[in-house]
Amino acid sequence: MSHSCHRILLVESDNDIVDQVFELSEQVESFRLQILLAADSDRLSDMLDHFDFSLVIVNVQRLSAGTSLTDLCIRVHPKPVLVLMPDLDASALLAGLRAGASDIFSYRCLEQEAQAFVAAVSRLLSRAAQLEAIPRYRETLERSLEELRSDQLAAQQVQQNLLPPTSQTIGGIRFDYELTPSLVLSGDFVDVAPLDSNLTLFYLADVSGHGASSALVTVLLKNMTSRVQRAHRHNTELTDLSPAAALHLLNRELLDTGLGKHFTIFAGVLDGRTSRLKYAVGGHHPMPVLRQGGDVVFLEGRGMPVGLFDEPFFDEREIELASGFSLTLFSDGVFEVMSGGSLAEREQQLMDLVASGLTQPQRLREHLLGDSDCPDDIAIMTLCRGTANA
C-alpha cells in the first residue's frame, strides 16, 4: 500500500449513501484517498483478503448473519472502523462501541452531521497513518541499532587492540590484569609499557561514564603511553620519569578536547634494578593494596581527577619494594558488586582478599562478581614478584 494514498473500504449498497460518503470524503484534507466499495459481507471478505485499508466504513445492515460487527473489528484491528446505523439510540451506540467501533454515525443524518463526519474520518485516518508508520519506524530503528552495534563492536576491537597482553613478565615482575566492561565499550583502561630493561610504566584508569565517549579517552591514554616510550627511547639519560608530570599533561590535553570527560588514575614507574616504585594518584579510589614482608596495606597518596580542573594537584610518592611483593590495583567498579555496609568495610574486604593470597585478577573477579551482572566496568591489575610473605 502506498504511503501517500490512504485506502478506505466502504461497505454499502445504497447508492444515495454511497454518494454522500464519497462527497463528504472529498472534504477530508491532508490525505489522498482511494475508496473501494463492497456491497455485502462476501465482497467485504474478499476485499480484506486482497487489500490493506486505512479505514473501514460499514453500514451494519450490510453485514450478513454470519459476519458480526465484532468479527469485522477484530479482523481489521488495529485499523479503525467507522459504523453507519439507521438510528443512534443508546442501546445501539453501546452495542457498536462494545463491538469495537471507533466512531458511529446515523446514515440518515449524514447531511446534518457533515462536519462531524469529515472530522471523524480525518481523525481516524490520522490514527491509521500512525499505525502504518510503526513498521517503518521499527525497521529504521532496528537498522540504526544494528549499525550502532556494528560500530561499537568495531570500536571494541580497536580498544582491545590497544590493551597490553593480559599476562606478561618484565624484569622478573609479573603483570596480570582482568578487564570486565559493563557494556560493549569499557571506560576502564590499563596499560603496561616497558621503557627499557629496568623501567616499566603502568597504570589503571577509570573514565567517567560509559560508552563511546568514555572509550575515546582511553585512546588518549594509550597515546600518552606511546609518547613516553618514544621520549625515553630517544633519550637514554631520561631516568627521572615523573608520573605526576604525565598526569598534568593528560589533564591539559583532556580539557582541550572539550569532551566533558574526566578520569581517575593510579600511574607508576617501576625500577626493577633498584626495586623502587614512583607513583602518582589522580583521584583514584580504592588505592592499590601492597602485600610484602607479611604486611598488607593500602598505598598512601591523594590527588584530583584528571580533566576536571585547570590546575589540579597530583600526589607523587616513591617507595621501595621487597624482593617478594604483590601490588593489586582495582577500579571502583568492584565496590558495586561487593556485599557489606560502609566503604571502610568494603576496603577491608579487599585487604583481606589480598592477605589471603588471592592475587590473580581472574580469581579476584570471580570471587567478587560470581555470576552477577556487572553494573559498572571492573578492572583489576596485579604486579607480583617472588613470595609476598618473604
Protein backbone atom coordinates (compact mmCIF):
# COMPACT_ATOMS: atom_id res chain seq x y z
CA MET A 1 0.00 0.00 0.00
CA SER A 2 1.36 3.40 -0.97
CA HIS A 3 2.21 5.61 1.98
CA SER A 4 0.95 8.63 0.02
CA CYS A 5 -2.50 7.15 -0.59
CA HIS A 6 -4.93 6.01 2.09
CA ARG A 7 -7.40 3.37 1.06
CA ILE A 8 -10.91 3.34 2.53
CA LEU A 9 -13.26 0.38 2.26
CA LEU A 10 -16.92 1.39 2.20
CA VAL A 11 -19.37 -1.45 2.91
CA GLU A 12 -22.63 -0.13 1.47
CA SER A 13 -25.05 -0.94 -1.37
CA ASP A 14 -27.38 2.07 -1.19
CA ASN A 15 -26.32 4.45 -3.93
CA ASP A 16 -27.53 7.55 -2.10
CA ILE A 17 -25.48 6.73 0.99
CA VAL A 18 -22.50 5.84 -1.19
CA ASP A 19 -22.72 9.20 -2.95
CA GLN A 20 -22.95 11.05 0.36
CA VAL A 21 -19.89 9.28 1.79
CA PHE A 22 -17.90 9.97 -1.39
CA GLU A 23 -18.83 13.66 -1.35
CA LEU A 24 -18.01 14.09 2.32
CA SER A 25 -14.71 12.20 1.95
CA GLU A 26 -13.63 14.68 -0.72
CA GLN A 27 -13.68 17.33 2.01
CA VAL A 28 -11.07 15.47 4.06
CA GLU A 29 -7.84 17.46 3.81
CA SER A 30 -4.22 16.33 4.06
CA PHE A 31 -4.96 12.86 2.71
CA ARG A 32 -5.10 11.45 -0.80
CA LEU A 33 -7.89 8.89 -0.71
CA GLN A 34 -8.91 5.85 -2.68
CA ILE A 35 -12.35 4.48 -1.78
CA LEU A 36 -13.25 0.92 -2.68
CA LEU A 37 -16.78 -0.40 -2.47
CA ALA A 38 -18.13 -3.65 -1.06
CA ALA A 39 -21.87 -4.21 -1.31
CA ASP A 40 -22.11 -7.15 1.09
CA SER A 41 -20.22 -9.40 3.51
CA ASP A 42 -18.91 -11.71 0.80
CA ARG A 43 -17.39 -8.85 -1.15
CA LEU A 44 -16.14 -7.36 2.12
CA SER A 45 -14.24 -10.54 2.99
CA ASP A 46 -12.75 -10.74 -0.48
CA MET A 47 -11.56 -7.14 -0.37
CA LEU A 48 -9.95 -7.61 3.03
CA ASP A 49 -8.12 -10.66 1.69
CA HIS A 50 -6.55 -8.71 -1.17
CA PHE A 51 -6.04 -5.15 0.07
CA ASP A 52 -4.84 -3.19 3.06
CA PHE A 53 -7.14 -0.46 4.26
CA SER A 54 -6.55 2.55 6.47
CA LEU A 55 -10.24 2.79 7.40
CA VAL A 56 -13.37 0.68 7.04
CA ILE A 57 -16.74 2.46 6.88
CA VAL A 58 -19.52 -0.07 7.26
CA ASN A 59 -23.29 0.04 7.32
CA VAL A 60 -24.12 -2.68 9.84
CA GLN A 61 -27.24 -3.53 7.82
CA ARG A 62 -24.97 -4.82 5.01
CA LEU A 63 -23.35 -7.41 7.25
CA SER A 64 -24.74 -10.92 6.85
CA ALA A 65 -25.84 -13.06 9.76
CA GLY A 66 -22.54 -14.91 9.62
CA THR A 67 -20.44 -11.73 9.91
CA SER A 68 -20.85 -9.69 13.06
CA LEU A 69 -19.53 -6.20 13.68
CA THR A 70 -17.31 -7.69 16.39
CA ASP A 71 -15.80 -10.12 13.87
CA LEU A 72 -15.09 -7.28 11.45
CA CYS A 73 -13.47 -5.07 14.09
CA ILE A 74 -11.27 -7.95 15.25
CA ARG A 75 -10.22 -8.74 11.68
CA VAL A 76 -9.13 -5.20 10.78
CA HIS A 77 -7.68 -4.37 14.20
CA PRO A 78 -5.79 -2.15 14.93
CA LYS A 79 -7.15 -0.16 12.00
CA PRO A 80 -10.30 1.85 12.81
CA VAL A 81 -13.88 1.01 11.85
CA LEU A 82 -16.47 3.76 11.39
CA VAL A 83 -20.01 2.39 11.71
CA LEU A 84 -23.15 3.63 9.98
CA MET A 85 -26.54 2.83 11.56
CA PRO A 86 -30.09 3.84 10.78
CA ASP A 87 -30.73 5.26 14.25
CA LEU A 88 -28.48 6.17 17.15
CA ASP A 89 -30.39 5.09 20.21
CA ALA A 90 -28.46 4.40 23.41
CA SER A 91 -28.56 0.61 23.13
CA ALA A 92 -27.36 0.66 19.52
CA LEU A 93 -24.47 3.02 20.38
CA LEU A 94 -23.43 0.90 23.34
CA ALA A 95 -23.55 -2.30 21.27
CA GLY A 96 -21.47 -0.73 18.49
CA LEU A 97 -18.81 0.60 20.85
CA ARG A 98 -18.61 -2.73 22.66
CA ALA A 99 -18.13 -4.45 19.33
CA GLY A 100 -15.05 -2.28 18.71
CA ALA A 101 -16.34 0.59 16.57
CA SER A 102 -14.10 3.65 16.58
CA ASP A 103 -16.99 6.02 15.80
CA ILE A 104 -20.69 5.73 14.94
CA PHE A 105 -22.97 7.87 12.76
CA SER A 106 -26.55 7.63 11.58
CA TYR A 107 -26.60 7.45 7.78
CA ARG A 108 -29.95 9.22 7.92
CA CYS A 109 -28.28 12.27 9.45
CA LEU A 110 -25.05 12.46 7.42
CA GLU A 111 -26.09 15.73 5.81
CA GLN A 112 -26.78 17.37 9.17
CA GLU A 113 -23.60 15.84 10.69
CA ALA A 114 -21.40 16.55 7.67
CA GLN A 115 -18.67 18.49 9.50
CA ALA A 116 -18.55 15.96 12.34
CA PHE A 117 -18.33 13.08 9.85
CA VAL A 118 -15.49 14.73 7.91
CA ALA A 119 -13.63 15.44 11.16
CA ALA A 120 -14.11 11.83 12.30
CA VAL A 121 -12.79 10.42 9.04
CA SER A 122 -9.79 12.76 9.19
CA ARG A 123 -9.06 11.79 12.80
CA LEU A 124 -9.33 8.07 12.11
CA LEU A 125 -7.11 8.34 9.04
CA SER A 126 -4.50 10.15 11.13
CA ARG A 127 -4.59 7.30 13.64
CA ALA A 128 -4.26 4.77 10.80
CA ALA A 129 -1.31 6.72 9.35
CA GLN A 130 0.48 6.50 12.69
CA LEU A 131 -0.17 2.77 12.86
CA GLU A 132 1.08 2.26 9.33
CA ALA A 133 4.24 4.22 10.13
CA ILE A 134 5.14 1.97 13.07
CA PRO A 135 6.68 -0.83 10.96
CA ARG A 136 8.74 1.73 9.07
CA TYR A 137 9.87 3.35 12.32
CA ARG A 138 10.69 -0.08 13.74
CA GLU A 139 12.64 -1.03 10.64
CA THR A 140 14.55 2.26 10.73
CA LEU A 141 15.23 1.88 14.44
CA GLU A 142 16.38 -1.73 14.08
CA ARG A 143 18.65 -0.75 11.22
CA SER A 144 20.10 2.13 13.24
CA LEU A 145 20.59 -0.11 16.27
CA GLU A 146 22.33 -2.71 14.14
CA GLU A 147 24.63 -0.06 12.66
CA LEU A 148 25.32 1.27 16.15
CA ARG A 149 26.12 -2.19 17.43
CA SER A 150 28.41 -2.84 14.47
CA ASP A 151 30.19 0.44 15.14
CA GLN A 152 30.52 -0.41 18.83
CA LEU A 153 31.89 -3.86 18.08
CA ALA A 154 34.41 -2.33 15.70
CA ALA A 155 35.36 0.22 18.37
CA GLN A 156 35.58 -2.60 20.92
CA GLN A 157 38.05 -4.41 18.68
CA VAL A 158 40.13 -1.24 18.36
CA GLN A 159 40.05 -0.73 22.12
CA GLN A 160 41.09 -4.32 22.79
CA ASN A 161 43.98 -3.94 20.36
CA LEU A 162 45.21 -1.01 22.45
CA LEU A 163 45.42 -3.14 25.59
CA PRO A 164 48.64 -4.88 26.64
CA PRO A 165 48.89 -8.67 26.96
CA THR A 166 46.74 -9.89 29.85
CA SER A 167 49.79 -11.54 31.40
CA GLN A 168 53.46 -10.75 30.91
CA THR A 169 56.70 -10.82 32.87
CA ILE A 170 59.03 -7.84 32.61
CA GLY A 171 62.33 -7.74 34.51
CA GLY A 172 61.26 -10.59 36.78
CA ILE A 173 57.96 -8.90 37.70
CA ARG A 174 54.70 -10.43 36.53
CA PHE A 175 51.93 -8.11 35.34
CA ASP A 176 48.39 -9.50 35.08
CA TYR A 177 45.05 -7.81 34.61
CA GLU A 178 41.37 -8.59 34.09
CA LEU A 179 39.07 -6.06 32.42
CA THR A 180 35.29 -6.62 32.62
CA PRO A 181 33.19 -3.98 30.83
CA SER A 182 29.57 -3.39 31.81
CA LEU A 183 28.77 -2.50 28.17
CA VAL A 184 30.38 -3.22 24.82
CA LEU A 185 32.95 -0.47 25.32
CA SER A 186 34.86 -0.01 28.55
CA GLY A 187 35.66 3.19 30.41
CA ASP A 188 38.31 1.35 32.44
CA PHE A 189 41.73 1.04 30.89
CA VAL A 190 45.09 -0.41 31.85
CA ASP A 191 48.50 -0.38 30.27
CA VAL A 192 51.95 -1.80 30.91
CA ALA A 193 54.80 -0.31 28.91
CA PRO A 194 58.45 -1.31 29.30
CA LEU A 195 60.64 1.74 28.80
CA ASP A 196 63.98 -0.04 28.96
CA SER A 197 65.49 -3.08 30.63
CA ASN A 198 64.85 -1.56 34.08
CA LEU A 199 61.93 0.88 33.93
CA THR A 200 58.30 -0.07 33.36
CA LEU A 201 55.37 2.35 33.18
CA PHE A 202 51.96 1.03 34.24
CA TYR A 203 48.61 2.49 35.17
CA LEU A 204 44.95 1.76 35.80
CA ALA A 205 42.45 4.44 34.82
CA ASP A 206 38.69 4.74 35.30
CA VAL A 207 36.97 7.14 32.90
CA SER A 208 33.70 8.78 33.96
CA GLY A 209 30.57 7.41 32.33
CA HIS A 210 30.24 4.60 29.81
CA GLY A 211 30.11 4.09 26.09
CA ALA A 212 31.91 5.56 23.11
CA SER A 213 32.86 8.95 24.59
CA SER A 214 34.49 7.29 27.59
CA ALA A 215 36.25 4.78 25.34
CA LEU A 216 37.67 7.67 23.29
CA VAL A 217 39.52 8.90 26.37
CA THR A 218 41.29 5.54 26.60
CA VAL A 219 42.79 6.30 23.18
CA LEU A 220 44.24 9.49 24.68
CA LEU A 221 45.72 7.42 27.50
CA LYS A 222 47.31 4.97 25.08
CA ASN A 223 48.73 7.86 23.11
CA MET A 224 50.37 9.11 26.31
CA THR A 225 51.96 5.71 26.87
CA SER A 226 53.38 5.67 23.35
CA ARG A 227 54.76 9.19 23.68
CA VAL A 228 56.52 8.36 26.96
CA GLN A 229 58.05 5.27 25.36
CA ARG A 230 59.26 7.26 22.36
CA ALA A 231 60.65 10.05 24.52
CA HIS A 232 62.54 7.59 26.67
CA ARG A 233 63.81 5.68 23.67
CA HIS A 234 65.30 8.85 22.18
CA ASN A 235 66.85 10.00 25.46
CA THR A 236 68.66 7.20 27.23
CA GLU A 237 69.64 9.63 30.02
CA LEU A 238 65.97 10.10 30.91
CA THR A 239 65.91 8.39 34.29
CA ASP A 240 63.81 10.79 36.38
CA LEU A 241 60.40 9.96 34.96
CA SER A 242 57.61 11.80 36.74
CA PRO A 243 54.15 10.18 36.76
CA ALA A 244 52.69 13.41 38.17
CA ALA A 245 54.09 15.40 35.23
CA ALA A 246 52.45 12.94 32.84
CA LEU A 247 49.10 13.42 34.63
CA HIS A 248 49.39 17.20 34.32
CA LEU A 249 49.98 16.80 30.58
CA LEU A 250 46.99 14.48 30.25
CA ASN A 251 44.85 16.90 32.25
CA ARG A 252 45.57 19.77 29.86
CA GLU A 253 45.01 17.62 26.76
CA LEU A 254 41.73 16.22 28.06
CA LEU A 255 40.42 19.69 28.91
CA ASP A 256 41.36 20.85 25.41
CA THR A 257 39.27 18.11 23.80
CA GLY A 258 36.07 19.61 25.23
CA LEU A 259 34.60 16.13 25.73
CA GLY A 260 33.48 16.98 29.24
CA LYS A 261 35.08 13.77 30.47
CA HIS A 262 37.40 13.09 33.37
CA PHE A 263 39.07 10.04 34.82
CA THR A 264 40.77 8.79 37.94
CA ILE A 265 44.11 7.07 37.63
CA PHE A 266 46.91 5.39 39.51
CA ALA A 267 50.12 5.60 37.47
CA GLY A 268 53.50 4.21 38.43
CA VAL A 269 57.01 3.80 37.11
CA LEU A 270 58.73 0.71 38.49
CA ASP A 271 62.50 0.42 38.50
CA GLY A 272 63.33 -3.28 38.54
CA ARG A 273 67.03 -2.64 39.16
CA THR A 274 66.56 -0.59 42.35
CA SER A 275 63.16 -2.10 43.30
CA ARG A 276 61.72 1.36 43.71
CA LEU A 277 58.24 2.42 42.67
CA LYS A 278 57.44 6.04 41.90
CA TYR A 279 53.72 6.66 41.57
CA ALA A 280 51.15 9.43 41.24
CA VAL A 281 47.49 9.47 42.22
CA GLY A 282 44.83 11.23 40.19
CA GLY A 283 41.71 10.96 42.37
CA HIS A 284 41.81 7.17 42.19
CA HIS A 285 39.98 5.02 44.72
CA PRO A 286 40.48 2.45 46.09
CA MET A 287 44.22 2.82 46.46
CA PRO A 288 46.34 -0.20 45.45
CA VAL A 289 46.91 -2.89 48.05
CA LEU A 290 50.57 -3.72 48.74
CA ARG A 291 51.49 -7.08 50.25
CA GLN A 292 55.09 -7.64 51.28
CA GLY A 293 57.06 -8.74 54.32
CA GLY A 294 53.94 -10.25 55.84
CA ASP A 295 52.15 -6.88 55.83
CA VAL A 296 49.14 -5.83 53.75
CA VAL A 297 48.48 -2.10 53.40
CA PHE A 298 46.87 0.43 51.11
CA LEU A 299 49.41 2.71 49.44
CA GLU A 300 49.20 6.29 50.62
CA GLY A 301 48.53 9.26 48.38
CA ARG A 302 45.89 11.58 47.11
CA GLY A 303 45.13 13.79 44.13
CA MET A 304 42.43 15.24 41.93
CA PRO A 305 40.72 13.54 38.97
CA VAL A 306 42.27 14.22 35.57
CA GLY A 307 40.24 16.51 33.31
CA LEU A 308 38.22 18.47 35.86
CA PHE A 309 40.45 21.35 36.97
CA ASP A 310 42.81 23.75 35.22
CA GLU A 311 45.42 23.47 37.96
CA PRO A 312 44.99 20.12 39.67
CA PHE A 313 47.12 18.60 42.41
CA PHE A 314 48.60 15.15 41.91
CA ASP A 315 50.38 13.49 44.80
CA GLU A 316 53.60 11.79 43.74
CA ARG A 317 55.41 9.38 46.05
CA GLU A 318 58.18 6.82 45.97
CA ILE A 319 58.52 3.56 47.88
CA GLU A 320 60.93 0.65 48.00
CA LEU A 321 59.66 -2.81 47.17
CA ALA A 322 60.81 -6.02 48.80
CA SER A 323 62.31 -8.90 46.87
CA GLY A 324 58.92 -10.56 47.19
CA PHE A 325 55.78 -8.44 46.86
CA SER A 326 52.38 -8.13 45.25
CA LEU A 327 50.60 -4.92 44.32
CA THR A 328 46.89 -5.13 43.44
CA LEU A 329 45.01 -2.30 41.73
CA PHE A 330 41.21 -2.06 41.49
CA SER A 331 38.81 0.28 39.74
CA ASP A 332 35.92 1.49 41.87
CA GLY A 333 33.54 -0.81 39.98
CA VAL A 334 34.47 -3.54 42.48
CA PHE A 335 32.55 -1.68 45.18
CA GLU A 336 29.35 -2.04 43.12
CA VAL A 337 29.44 -5.84 43.39
CA MET A 338 30.69 -6.20 46.94
CA SER A 339 28.48 -7.01 49.89
CA GLY A 340 28.90 -5.14 53.13
CA GLY A 341 27.79 -1.87 54.55
CA SER A 342 30.24 1.01 54.78
CA LEU A 343 33.02 1.92 52.40
CA ALA A 344 35.56 1.13 55.12
CA GLU A 345 34.13 -2.39 55.44
CA ARG A 346 34.44 -2.96 51.72
CA GLU A 347 38.01 -1.67 51.71
CA GLN A 348 38.79 -4.12 54.50
CA GLN A 349 37.34 -6.92 52.38
CA LEU A 350 39.78 -6.04 49.60
CA MET A 351 42.69 -6.13 52.04
CA ASP A 352 41.52 -9.46 53.42
CA LEU A 353 41.30 -10.95 49.93
CA VAL A 354 44.86 -9.89 49.12
CA ALA A 355 46.09 -11.02 52.55
CA SER A 356 44.62 -14.47 51.89
CA GLY A 357 46.89 -14.82 48.87
CA LEU A 358 44.13 -14.28 46.32
CA THR A 359 46.07 -12.04 43.93
CA GLN A 360 45.27 -13.39 40.46
CA PRO A 361 42.95 -10.87 38.73
CA GLN A 362 40.71 -13.55 37.22
CA ARG A 363 40.22 -15.29 40.58
CA LEU A 364 39.61 -11.96 42.29
CA ARG A 365 36.98 -11.04 39.70
CA GLU A 366 35.27 -14.41 40.04
CA HIS A 367 35.26 -14.11 43.82
CA LEU A 368 33.86 -10.57 43.76
CA LEU A 369 31.43 -10.85 40.86
CA GLY A 370 30.42 -14.50 40.78
CA ASP A 371 27.52 -14.98 38.37
CA SER A 372 26.15 -11.48 38.94
CA ASP A 373 25.77 -8.88 36.22
CA CYS A 374 28.41 -6.20 36.07
CA PRO A 375 26.74 -2.82 36.81
CA ASP A 376 29.98 -0.91 36.27
CA ASP A 377 33.25 -1.54 34.48
CA ILE A 378 35.66 -3.52 36.63
CA ALA A 379 39.42 -3.51 36.17
CA ILE A 380 41.88 -5.44 38.32
CA MET A 381 45.65 -5.38 37.84
CA THR A 382 48.34 -7.16 39.83
CA LEU A 383 52.11 -6.83 39.94
CA CYS A 384 53.90 -9.72 41.60
CA ARG A 385 57.46 -10.82 42.26
CA GLY A 386 58.63 -13.74 44.34
CA THR A 387 56.82 -14.57 47.58
CA ALA A 388 54.96 -11.64 49.11
CA ASN A 389 55.39 -13.02 52.63
CA ALA A 390 59.17 -13.01 52.39
